[in-house]
């Protein structure tokens, strides 16, 4: 009788073999880990950035599959970016990716706060007014639910430190601040330190010209916010 030959159990991701099936199940190589995390939001965002990178920077017309992404030497960098964008709650991540590419930012620098701040300031100045209003009103609703108050009052009674942070992160746009009574009153109540912090975002000279150049949008913003009680 032939001696019993133990069956080998081989990882389909890295081809490493194990004598016990339980060891194979517990085994976690880098390729396997990447496959198991493929549905995570940060990985999906990193994959999207990877495709945009090749289409924009490399001029590649060929569609890059997720399997190609998993094997890419850039995988970690793009997933790191995905996690960063989610962590800072980046406004319009797809636009952020395009901005990084159009401005020739090195991939290793995509997670630098300086880049996101620069992008955000540029984005807030050019985004559609409707997007800015929706985001501001949604912020008010979330604030009201947290504090058991009316959403129309978030600029009237909200904590100034919290509101200043919301402005610097783009949750509250100058479209909102300059287009309603509670917004202009709030700005008038800010101390010097708060004004210094929000100044790059609220830049009065820029926004005054913006409202003059886009009169219809300015009137639309005022009407929507008036209806919202702000």
C-alpha atoms as a PDB file:
ATOM      1  CA  UNK A   1       0.000   0.000   0.000  1.00  0.00           C
ATOM      2  CA  UNK A   2       1.305   3.414  -0.897  1.00  0.00           C
ATOM      3  CA  UNK A   3       1.999   5.719   2.032  1.00  0.00           C
ATOM      4  CA  UNK A   4      -0.584   8.393   2.613  1.00  0.00           C
ATOM      5  CA  UNK A   5       0.378  11.662   0.997  1.00  0.00           C
ATOM      6  CA  UNK A   6      -0.932  14.719   2.768  1.00  0.00           C
ATOM      7  CA  UNK A   7      -2.925  16.941   0.460  1.00  0.00           C
ATOM      8  CA  UNK A   8      -1.494  20.407   0.053  1.00  0.00           C
ATOM      9  CA  UNK A   9      -3.736  23.419   0.304  1.00  0.00           C
ATOM     10  CA  UNK A  10      -2.637  26.290  -1.917  1.00  0.00           C
ATOM     11  CA  UNK A  11      -3.552  29.948  -1.630  1.00  0.00           C
ATOM     12  CA  UNK A  12      -5.058  31.041  -4.932  1.00  0.00           C
ATOM     13  CA  UNK A  13      -3.767  34.566  -4.397  1.00  0.00           C
ATOM     14  CA  UNK A  14      -0.062  34.027  -3.657  1.00  0.00           C
ATOM     15  CA  UNK A  15       0.360  30.297  -4.486  1.00  0.00           C
ATOM     16  CA  UNK A  16       1.793  29.503  -1.085  1.00  0.00           C
ATOM     17  CA  UNK A  17       0.978  25.956   0.036  1.00  0.00           C
ATOM     18  CA  UNK A  18      -0.086  24.692   3.462  1.00  0.00           C
ATOM     19  CA  UNK A  19      -0.493  21.200   4.864  1.00  0.00           C
ATOM     20  CA  UNK A  20      -3.622  22.080   6.827  1.00  0.00           C
ATOM     21  CA  UNK A  21      -6.766  23.588   5.378  1.00  0.00           C
ATOM     22  CA  UNK A  22      -7.313  25.515   8.611  1.00  0.00           C
ATOM     23  CA  UNK A  23      -3.929  27.184   8.133  1.00  0.00           C
ATOM     24  CA  UNK A  24      -4.894  28.187   4.621  1.00  0.00           C
ATOM     25  CA  UNK A  25      -8.159  29.668   5.884  1.00  0.00           C
ATOM     26  CA  UNK A  26      -6.318  31.692   8.540  1.00  0.00           C
ATOM     27  CA  UNK A  27      -3.614  32.736   6.088  1.00  0.00           C
ATOM     28  CA  UNK A  28      -3.741  36.394   5.016  1.00  0.00           C
ATOM     29  CA  UNK A  29      -1.260  37.449   2.366  1.00  0.00           C
ATOM     30  CA  UNK A  30      -1.211  40.914   0.839  1.00  0.00           C
ATOM     31  CA  UNK A  31      -3.003  39.900  -2.411  1.00  0.00           C
ATOM     32  CA  UNK A  32      -5.728  38.117  -0.417  1.00  0.00           C
ATOM     33  CA  UNK A  33      -6.145  41.075   1.927  1.00  0.00           C
ATOM     34  CA  UNK A  34      -6.574  43.396  -1.044  1.00  0.00           C
ATOM     35  CA  UNK A  35      -9.231  41.129  -2.506  1.00  0.00           C
ATOM     36  CA  UNK A  36     -11.162  40.921   0.775  1.00  0.00           C
ATOM     37  CA  UNK A  37     -11.235  44.705   1.209  1.00  0.00           C
ATOM     38  CA  UNK A  38     -12.233  45.506  -2.368  1.00  0.00           C
ATOM     39  CA  UNK A  39     -15.769  46.601  -1.386  1.00  0.00           C
ATOM     40  CA  UNK A  40     -14.649  49.034   1.305  1.00  0.00           C
ATOM     41  CA  UNK A  41     -15.551  52.624   0.503  1.00  0.00           C
ATOM     42  CA  UNK A  42     -11.971  53.854   0.798  1.00  0.00           C
ATOM     43  CA  UNK A  43     -10.758  51.160  -1.589  1.00  0.00           C
ATOM     44  CA  UNK A  44     -13.500  51.953  -4.099  1.00  0.00           C
ATOM     45  CA  UNK A  45     -12.576  55.629  -3.967  1.00  0.00           C
ATOM     46  CA  UNK A  46      -8.910  54.740  -4.359  1.00  0.00           C
ATOM     47  CA  UNK A  47      -9.788  52.581  -7.357  1.00  0.00           C
ATOM     48  CA  UNK A  48     -11.686  55.470  -8.922  1.00  0.00           C
ATOM     49  CA  UNK A  49      -8.672  57.743  -8.364  1.00  0.00           C
ATOM     50  CA  UNK A  50      -6.411  55.088  -9.925  1.00  0.00           C
ATOM     51  CA  UNK A  51      -8.544  54.985 -13.074  1.00  0.00           C
ATOM     52  CA  UNK A  52      -8.688  58.773 -13.296  1.00  0.00           C
ATOM     53  CA  UNK A  53      -4.920  58.927 -12.881  1.00  0.00           C
ATOM     54  CA  UNK A  54      -4.306  56.631 -15.835  1.00  0.00           C
ATOM     55  CA  UNK A  55      -6.910  58.263 -18.022  1.00  0.00           C
ATOM     56  CA  UNK A  56      -5.817  61.831 -17.268  1.00  0.00           C
ATOM     57  CA  UNK A  57      -2.103  61.697 -16.551  1.00  0.00           C
ATOM     58  CA  UNK A  58      -1.026  58.660 -18.545  1.00  0.00           C
ATOM     59  CA  UNK A  59      -3.375  59.115 -21.484  1.00  0.00           C
ATOM     60  CA  UNK A  60      -4.510  55.515 -21.176  1.00  0.00           C
ATOM     61  CA  UNK A  61      -7.765  54.773 -22.990  1.00  0.00           C
ATOM     62  CA  UNK A  62      -7.860  51.183 -21.730  1.00  0.00           C
ATOM     63  CA  UNK A  63     -10.251  50.593 -18.836  1.00  0.00           C
ATOM     64  CA  UNK A  64      -8.345  49.573 -15.725  1.00  0.00           C
ATOM     65  CA  UNK A  65      -9.949  46.660 -13.888  1.00  0.00           C
ATOM     66  CA  UNK A  66     -10.041  46.230 -10.139  1.00  0.00           C
ATOM     67  CA  UNK A  67      -7.715  43.236 -10.465  1.00  0.00           C
ATOM     68  CA  UNK A  68      -5.174  45.466 -12.208  1.00  0.00           C
ATOM     69  CA  UNK A  69      -5.579  47.981  -9.397  1.00  0.00           C
ATOM     70  CA  UNK A  70      -4.924  45.289  -6.794  1.00  0.00           C
ATOM     71  CA  UNK A  71      -1.649  44.374  -8.515  1.00  0.00           C
ATOM     72  CA  UNK A  72      -0.594  47.974  -9.058  1.00  0.00           C
ATOM     73  CA  UNK A  73       2.459  49.382  -7.228  1.00  0.00           C
ATOM     74  CA  UNK A  74       0.296  52.466  -6.624  1.00  0.00           C
ATOM     75  CA  UNK A  75      -2.385  50.507  -4.753  1.00  0.00           C
ATOM     76  CA  UNK A  76      -1.386  51.592  -1.249  1.00  0.00           C
ATOM     77  CA  UNK A  77      -1.027  55.245  -2.221  1.00  0.00           C
ATOM     78  CA  UNK A  78      -4.483  55.415  -3.777  1.00  0.00           C
ATOM     79  CA  UNK A  79      -6.177  53.545  -0.922  1.00  0.00           C
ATOM     80  CA  UNK A  80      -4.434  55.858   1.522  1.00  0.00           C
ATOM     81  CA  UNK A  81      -5.926  58.770  -0.399  1.00  0.00           C
ATOM     82  CA  UNK A  82      -9.358  57.141  -0.269  1.00  0.00           C
ATOM     83  CA  UNK A  83      -9.112  56.856   3.501  1.00  0.00           C
ATOM     84  CA  UNK A  84      -7.900  60.435   3.781  1.00  0.00           C
ATOM     85  CA  UNK A  85     -10.774  61.795   1.670  1.00  0.00           C
ATOM     86  CA  UNK A  86     -13.304  59.923   3.795  1.00  0.00           C
ATOM     87  CA  UNK A  87     -11.587  61.014   6.994  1.00  0.00           C
ATOM     88  CA  UNK A  88     -11.805  64.724   6.147  1.00  0.00           C
ATOM     89  CA  UNK A  89     -15.291  64.216   4.678  1.00  0.00           C
ATOM     90  CA  UNK A  90     -14.051  65.700   1.434  1.00  0.00           C
ATOM     91  CA  UNK A  91     -16.643  67.680  -0.473  1.00  0.00           C
ATOM     92  CA  UNK A  92     -17.124  66.177  -3.937  1.00  0.00           C
ATOM     93  CA  UNK A  93     -14.231  63.653  -3.845  1.00  0.00           C
ATOM     94  CA  UNK A  94     -14.431  63.147  -7.616  1.00  0.00           C
ATOM     95  CA  UNK A  95     -13.843  66.846  -8.202  1.00  0.00           C
ATOM     96  CA  UNK A  96     -11.000  66.721  -5.683  1.00  0.00           C
ATOM     97  CA  UNK A  97      -9.332  63.925  -7.645  1.00  0.00           C
ATOM     98  CA  UNK A  98      -9.634  65.851 -10.907  1.00  0.00           C
ATOM     99  CA  UNK A  99      -8.242  68.973  -9.208  1.00  0.00           C
ATOM    100  CA  UNK A 100      -5.214  67.055  -7.935  1.00  0.00           C
ATOM    101  CA  UNK A 101      -4.543  65.682 -11.393  1.00  0.00           C
ATOM    102  CA  UNK A 102      -5.120  68.950 -13.216  1.00  0.00           C
ATOM    103  CA  UNK A 103      -2.757  70.701 -10.813  1.00  0.00           C
ATOM    104  CA  UNK A 104      -0.084  68.021 -11.235  1.00  0.00           C
ATOM    105  CA  UNK A 105       0.060  67.155  -7.541  1.00  0.00           C
ATOM    106  CA  UNK A 106       2.340  64.227  -6.747  1.00  0.00           C
ATOM    107  CA  UNK A 107       0.456  61.142  -5.601  1.00  0.00           C
ATOM    108  CA  UNK A 108       2.530  61.020  -2.420  1.00  0.00           C
ATOM    109  CA  UNK A 109       1.203  64.497  -1.580  1.00  0.00           C
ATOM    110  CA  UNK A 110      -2.484  63.822  -2.207  1.00  0.00           C
ATOM    111  CA  UNK A 111      -3.136  63.340   1.516  1.00  0.00           C
ATOM    112  CA  UNK A 112      -1.609  66.651   2.570  1.00  0.00           C
ATOM    113  CA  UNK A 113      -4.070  68.992   4.281  1.00  0.00           C
ATOM    114  CA  UNK A 114      -2.581  71.929   2.391  1.00  0.00           C
ATOM    115  CA  UNK A 115      -3.747  70.453  -0.922  1.00  0.00           C
ATOM    116  CA  UNK A 116      -7.267  69.816   0.325  1.00  0.00           C
ATOM    117  CA  UNK A 117      -7.536  73.334   1.755  1.00  0.00           C
ATOM    118  CA  UNK A 118      -6.382  74.804  -1.555  1.00  0.00           C
ATOM    119  CA  UNK A 119      -8.830  72.627  -3.488  1.00  0.00           C
ATOM    120  CA  UNK A 120     -11.716  73.427  -1.149  1.00  0.00           C
ATOM    121  CA  UNK A 121     -11.246  77.170  -1.402  1.00  0.00           C
ATOM    122  CA  UNK A 122     -11.191  76.924  -5.191  1.00  0.00           C
ATOM    123  CA  UNK A 123     -14.169  74.550  -5.306  1.00  0.00           C
ATOM    124  CA  UNK A 124     -16.371  76.685  -3.061  1.00  0.00           C
ATOM    125  CA  UNK A 125     -15.813  79.666  -5.335  1.00  0.00           C
ATOM    126  CA  UNK A 126     -16.971  77.838  -8.441  1.00  0.00           C
ATOM    127  CA  UNK A 127     -19.503  75.206  -7.378  1.00  0.00           C
ATOM    128  CA  UNK A 128     -23.170  75.512  -8.432  1.00  0.00           C
ATOM    129  CA  UNK A 129     -25.147  77.669  -6.009  1.00  0.00           C
ATOM    130  CA  UNK A 130     -27.728  74.894  -5.574  1.00  0.00           C
ATOM    131  CA  UNK A 131     -25.070  72.491  -4.259  1.00  0.00           C
ATOM    132  CA  UNK A 132     -23.880  75.075  -1.727  1.00  0.00           C
ATOM    133  CA  UNK A 133     -27.417  75.734  -0.500  1.00  0.00           C
ATOM    134  CA  UNK A 134     -28.308  72.058  -0.166  1.00  0.00           C
ATOM    135  CA  UNK A 135     -25.161  71.374   1.849  1.00  0.00           C
ATOM    136  CA  UNK A 136     -25.809  74.344   4.153  1.00  0.00           C
ATOM    137  CA  UNK A 137     -29.428  73.387   4.760  1.00  0.00           C
ATOM    138  CA  UNK A 138     -28.414  69.760   5.415  1.00  0.00           C
ATOM    139  CA  UNK A 139     -25.918  71.005   7.969  1.00  0.00           C
ATOM    140  CA  UNK A 140     -28.710  72.951   9.663  1.00  0.00           C
ATOM    141  CA  UNK A 141     -30.941  69.876   9.774  1.00  0.00           C
ATOM    142  CA  UNK A 142     -28.184  67.757  11.324  1.00  0.00           C
ATOM    143  CA  UNK A 143     -27.452  70.504  13.857  1.00  0.00           C
ATOM    144  CA  UNK A 144     -31.142  70.779  14.780  1.00  0.00           C
ATOM    145  CA  UNK A 145     -31.473  67.028  15.344  1.00  0.00           C
ATOM    146  CA  UNK A 146     -28.408  67.020  17.576  1.00  0.00           C
ATOM    147  CA  UNK A 147     -29.486  70.010  19.671  1.00  0.00           C
ATOM    148  CA  UNK A 148     -33.268  69.530  19.554  1.00  0.00           C
ATOM    149  CA  UNK A 149     -33.812  72.913  17.939  1.00  0.00           C
ATOM    150  CA  UNK A 150     -35.134  74.242  14.636  1.00  0.00           C
ATOM    151  CA  UNK A 151     -32.841  73.948  11.641  1.00  0.00           C
ATOM    152  CA  UNK A 152     -33.474  77.563  10.632  1.00  0.00           C
ATOM    153  CA  UNK A 153     -31.674  78.703  13.796  1.00  0.00           C
ATOM    154  CA  UNK A 154     -28.280  77.063  13.359  1.00  0.00           C
ATOM    155  CA  UNK A 155     -26.602  80.378  12.449  1.00  0.00           C
ATOM    156  CA  UNK A 156     -28.481  82.240  15.173  1.00  0.00           C
ATOM    157  CA  UNK A 157     -27.780  79.948  18.111  1.00  0.00           C
ATOM    158  CA  UNK A 158     -25.031  77.597  16.989  1.00  0.00           C
ATOM    159  CA  UNK A 159     -21.725  77.513  18.830  1.00  0.00           C
ATOM    160  CA  UNK A 160     -19.358  79.926  17.076  1.00  0.00           C
ATOM    161  CA  UNK A 161     -16.390  77.569  17.239  1.00  0.00           C
ATOM    162  CA  UNK A 162     -18.443  74.825  15.633  1.00  0.00           C
ATOM    163  CA  UNK A 163     -19.797  77.126  12.956  1.00  0.00           C
ATOM    164  CA  UNK A 164     -16.332  78.464  12.155  1.00  0.00           C
ATOM    165  CA  UNK A 165     -15.117  74.889  11.712  1.00  0.00           C
ATOM    166  CA  UNK A 166     -18.111  74.156   9.462  1.00  0.00           C
ATOM    167  CA  UNK A 167     -17.162  77.143   7.312  1.00  0.00           C
ATOM    168  CA  UNK A 168     -13.505  76.135   6.998  1.00  0.00           C
ATOM    169  CA  UNK A 169     -14.539  72.600   5.993  1.00  0.00           C
ATOM    170  CA  UNK A 170     -17.034  73.853   3.433  1.00  0.00           C
ATOM    171  CA  UNK A 171     -20.195  72.679   5.167  1.00  0.00           C
ATOM    172  CA  UNK A 172     -21.426  76.266   5.288  1.00  0.00           C
ATOM    173  CA  UNK A 173     -20.698  78.168   2.078  1.00  0.00           C
ATOM    174  CA  UNK A 174     -20.409  81.937   1.607  1.00  0.00           C
ATOM    175  CA  UNK A 175     -23.481  81.511  -0.596  1.00  0.00           C
ATOM    176  CA  UNK A 176     -25.350  80.836   2.642  1.00  0.00           C
ATOM    177  CA  UNK A 177     -23.522  83.273   4.899  1.00  0.00           C
ATOM    178  CA  UNK A 178     -23.971  86.296   2.649  1.00  0.00           C
ATOM    179  CA  UNK A 179     -27.471  85.484   1.395  1.00  0.00           C
ATOM    180  CA  UNK A 180     -29.544  85.424   4.579  1.00  0.00           C
ATOM    181  CA  UNK A 181     -30.120  87.704   7.580  1.00  0.00           C
ATOM    182  CA  UNK A 182     -28.915  85.153  10.135  1.00  0.00           C
ATOM    183  CA  UNK A 183     -25.725  84.625   8.133  1.00  0.00           C
ATOM    184  CA  UNK A 184     -24.748  88.286   7.901  1.00  0.00           C
ATOM    185  CA  UNK A 185     -25.612  88.763  11.591  1.00  0.00           C
ATOM    186  CA  UNK A 186     -23.435  85.806  12.499  1.00  0.00           C
ATOM    187  CA  UNK A 187     -20.488  87.197  10.531  1.00  0.00           C
ATOM    188  CA  UNK A 188     -20.881  90.528  12.316  1.00  0.00           C
ATOM    189  CA  UNK A 189     -20.625  88.809  15.696  1.00  0.00           C
ATOM    190  CA  UNK A 190     -17.374  86.952  15.031  1.00  0.00           C
ATOM    191  CA  UNK A 191     -14.300  87.900  17.022  1.00  0.00           C
ATOM    192  CA  UNK A 192     -10.974  88.767  15.401  1.00  0.00           C
ATOM    193  CA  UNK A 193      -9.557  85.260  15.747  1.00  0.00           C
ATOM    194  CA  UNK A 194     -12.604  83.683  14.138  1.00  0.00           C
ATOM    195  CA  UNK A 195     -12.511  86.200  11.295  1.00  0.00           C
ATOM    196  CA  UNK A 196      -8.842  85.414  10.711  1.00  0.00           C
ATOM    197  CA  UNK A 197      -9.641  81.709  10.451  1.00  0.00           C
ATOM    198  CA  UNK A 198     -12.559  82.012   8.025  1.00  0.00           C
ATOM    199  CA  UNK A 199     -11.198  84.900   5.968  1.00  0.00           C
ATOM    200  CA  UNK A 200      -9.730  82.776   3.136  1.00  0.00           C
ATOM    201  CA  UNK A 201     -13.185  81.246   2.649  1.00  0.00           C
ATOM    202  CA  UNK A 202     -15.451  84.272   3.062  1.00  0.00           C
ATOM    203  CA  UNK A 203     -13.154  86.766   1.213  1.00  0.00           C
ATOM    204  CA  UNK A 204     -15.646  89.694   0.930  1.00  0.00           C
ATOM    205  CA  UNK A 205     -14.031  91.240  -2.161  1.00  0.00           C
ATOM    206  CA  UNK A 206     -14.303  88.038  -4.161  1.00  0.00           C
ATOM    207  CA  UNK A 207     -17.857  87.256  -3.088  1.00  0.00           C
ATOM    208  CA  UNK A 208     -19.149  90.784  -3.626  1.00  0.00           C
ATOM    209  CA  UNK A 209     -17.939  90.586  -7.218  1.00  0.00           C
ATOM    210  CA  UNK A 210     -19.363  87.071  -7.526  1.00  0.00           C
ATOM    211  CA  UNK A 211     -22.829  88.258  -6.519  1.00  0.00           C
ATOM    212  CA  UNK A 212     -22.653  91.161  -8.972  1.00  0.00           C
ATOM    213  CA  UNK A 213     -21.584  88.857 -11.797  1.00  0.00           C
ATOM    214  CA  UNK A 214     -24.237  86.248 -11.004  1.00  0.00           C
ATOM    215  CA  UNK A 215     -27.250  88.301 -10.024  1.00  0.00           C
ATOM    216  CA  UNK A 216     -29.767  85.552 -10.811  1.00  0.00           C
ATOM    217  CA  UNK A 217     -27.918  83.067  -8.607  1.00  0.00           C
ATOM    218  CA  UNK A 218     -27.664  85.630  -5.804  1.00  0.00           C
ATOM    219  CA  UNK A 219     -31.413  86.297  -5.912  1.00  0.00           C
ATOM    220  CA  UNK A 220     -32.127  82.574  -6.057  1.00  0.00           C
ATOM    221  CA  UNK A 221     -29.992  81.977  -2.948  1.00  0.00           C
ATOM    222  CA  UNK A 222     -31.762  84.732  -1.022  1.00  0.00           C
ATOM    223  CA  UNK A 223     -35.177  83.367  -1.925  1.00  0.00           C
ATOM    224  CA  UNK A 224     -34.371  79.759  -1.023  1.00  0.00           C
ATOM    225  CA  UNK A 225     -32.836  80.714   2.315  1.00  0.00           C
ATOM    226  CA  UNK A 226     -35.722  83.049   3.101  1.00  0.00           C
ATOM    227  CA  UNK A 227     -38.141  80.190   2.533  1.00  0.00           C
ATOM    228  CA  UNK A 228     -35.990  78.050   4.832  1.00  0.00           C
ATOM    229  CA  UNK A 229     -36.362  80.649   7.570  1.00  0.00           C
ATOM    230  CA  UNK A 230     -32.707  81.634   7.706  1.00  0.00           C
END
